[in-house]
Amino acid sequence: MVRPSPYSPEFREEAVQLALKSSKPIAHVARELEMNPETLRTWVRQYEREHGRQGGPLPASGESRVIAPLAS
């Protein structure tokens, strides 16, 4: 049985948007939100898959993230 998430859907959406729009590494954003970095990284990956933004693996906490523009 899956344990319910302690995070609301609204928090999740806001956290993902913050991580995507920030120039900070995901681990840094997660620390600011007082959550596990891997949880946020998973949410961002899922969001990118669902919205067609697969740019490869997300960087480790010390690396910069560059997201290529979507082709039209």
C-alpha atoms as a PDB file:
ATOM      1  CA  MET A   1       0.000   0.000   0.000  1.00  0.00           C
ATOM      2  CA  VAL A   2       1.319   3.427  -0.984  1.00  0.00           C
ATOM      3  CA  ARG A   3       1.613   6.013   1.754  1.00  0.00           C
ATOM      4  CA  PRO A   4      -0.100   9.328   0.916  1.00  0.00           C
ATOM      5  CA  SER A   5       2.214  12.218   0.098  1.00  0.00           C
ATOM      6  CA  PRO A   6       2.742  14.798   2.848  1.00  0.00           C
ATOM      7  CA  TYR A   7       2.840  17.454   0.081  1.00  0.00           C
ATOM      8  CA  SER A   8      -0.269  18.991  -1.458  1.00  0.00           C
ATOM      9  CA  PRO A   9      -0.636  19.070  -5.253  1.00  0.00           C
ATOM     10  CA  GLU A  10      -0.384  22.869  -5.074  1.00  0.00           C
ATOM     11  CA  PHE A  11       2.937  22.694  -3.190  1.00  0.00           C
ATOM     12  CA  ARG A  12       4.244  20.167  -5.675  1.00  0.00           C
ATOM     13  CA  GLU A  13       3.341  22.361  -8.672  1.00  0.00           C
ATOM     14  CA  GLU A  14       4.864  25.464  -7.076  1.00  0.00           C
ATOM     15  CA  ALA A  15       8.045  23.584  -6.165  1.00  0.00           C
ATOM     16  CA  VAL A  16       8.461  22.250  -9.713  1.00  0.00           C
ATOM     17  CA  GLN A  17       7.907  25.685 -11.249  1.00  0.00           C
ATOM     18  CA  LEU A  18      10.369  27.244  -8.821  1.00  0.00           C
ATOM     19  CA  ALA A  19      12.990  24.608  -9.663  1.00  0.00           C
ATOM     20  CA  LEU A  20      12.477  25.064 -13.413  1.00  0.00           C
ATOM     21  CA  LYS A  21      12.608  28.858 -13.321  1.00  0.00           C
ATOM     22  CA  SER A  22      15.480  29.138 -10.849  1.00  0.00           C
ATOM     23  CA  SER A  23      19.102  29.335 -11.883  1.00  0.00           C
ATOM     24  CA  LYS A  24      19.928  27.465  -8.680  1.00  0.00           C
ATOM     25  CA  PRO A  25      20.587  23.701  -8.632  1.00  0.00           C
ATOM     26  CA  ILE A  26      17.601  21.541  -7.732  1.00  0.00           C
ATOM     27  CA  ALA A  27      19.297  20.450  -4.500  1.00  0.00           C
ATOM     28  CA  HIS A  28      19.578  24.086  -3.404  1.00  0.00           C
ATOM     29  CA  VAL A  29      15.911  24.796  -4.205  1.00  0.00           C
ATOM     30  CA  ALA A  30      14.907  21.639  -2.316  1.00  0.00           C
ATOM     31  CA  ARG A  31      16.892  22.724   0.757  1.00  0.00           C
ATOM     32  CA  GLU A  32      15.151  26.105   0.663  1.00  0.00           C
ATOM     33  CA  LEU A  33      11.801  24.293   0.590  1.00  0.00           C
ATOM     34  CA  GLU A  34      12.936  21.929   3.369  1.00  0.00           C
ATOM     35  CA  MET A  35      12.375  18.809   1.302  1.00  0.00           C
ATOM     36  CA  ASN A  36      14.395  15.903  -0.038  1.00  0.00           C
ATOM     37  CA  PRO A  37      16.282  16.891  -3.224  1.00  0.00           C
ATOM     38  CA  GLU A  38      15.528  13.536  -4.863  1.00  0.00           C
ATOM     39  CA  THR A  39      11.802  14.079  -4.346  1.00  0.00           C
ATOM     40  CA  LEU A  40      11.963  17.428  -6.119  1.00  0.00           C
ATOM     41  CA  ARG A  41      14.215  16.012  -8.842  1.00  0.00           C
ATOM     42  CA  THR A  42      11.668  13.214  -9.449  1.00  0.00           C
ATOM     43  CA  TRP A  43       8.824  15.721  -9.663  1.00  0.00           C
ATOM     44  CA  VAL A  44      10.755  17.856 -12.156  1.00  0.00           C
ATOM     45  CA  ARG A  45      11.594  14.832 -14.316  1.00  0.00           C
ATOM     46  CA  GLN A  46       7.955  13.747 -14.311  1.00  0.00           C
ATOM     47  CA  TYR A  47       6.822  17.262 -15.226  1.00  0.00           C
ATOM     48  CA  GLU A  48       9.330  17.425 -18.081  1.00  0.00           C
ATOM     49  CA  ARG A  49       8.226  14.028 -19.425  1.00  0.00           C
ATOM     50  CA  GLU A  50       4.566  15.008 -19.288  1.00  0.00           C
ATOM     51  CA  HIS A  51       5.201  18.364 -20.957  1.00  0.00           C
ATOM     52  CA  GLY A  52       7.681  17.233 -23.593  1.00  0.00           C
ATOM     53  CA  ARG A  53      10.787  18.688 -21.996  1.00  0.00           C
ATOM     54  CA  GLN A  54      13.233  15.805 -21.893  1.00  0.00           C
ATOM     55  CA  GLY A  55      16.655  17.376 -21.995  1.00  0.00           C
ATOM     56  CA  GLY A  56      18.539  14.406 -20.582  1.00  0.00           C
ATOM     57  CA  PRO A  57      19.562  13.744 -17.012  1.00  0.00           C
ATOM     58  CA  LEU A  58      19.247  16.518 -14.479  1.00  0.00           C
ATOM     59  CA  PRO A  59      22.547  17.801 -13.137  1.00  0.00           C
ATOM     60  CA  ALA A  60      23.998  16.916  -9.766  1.00  0.00           C
ATOM     61  CA  SER A  61      23.666  19.517  -7.044  1.00  0.00           C
ATOM     62  CA  GLY A  62      26.840  21.429  -7.967  1.00  0.00           C
ATOM     63  CA  GLU A  63      26.237  21.712 -11.704  1.00  0.00           C
ATOM     64  CA  SER A  64      24.293  24.302 -13.669  1.00  0.00           C
ATOM     65  CA  ARG A  65      21.175  23.310 -15.514  1.00  0.00           C
ATOM     66  CA  VAL A  66      20.615  24.485 -19.075  1.00  0.00           C
ATOM     67  CA  ILE A  67      17.288  23.679 -20.663  1.00  0.00           C
ATOM     68  CA  ALA A  68      17.219  23.829 -24.433  1.00  0.00           C
ATOM     69  CA  PRO A  69      14.268  25.614 -26.037  1.00  0.00           C
ATOM     70  CA  LEU A  70      11.554  23.427 -27.475  1.00  0.00           C
ATOM     71  CA  ALA A  71      11.665  22.993 -31.220  1.00  0.00           C
ATOM     72  CA  SER A  72       8.589  24.185 -33.095  1.00  0.00           C
END
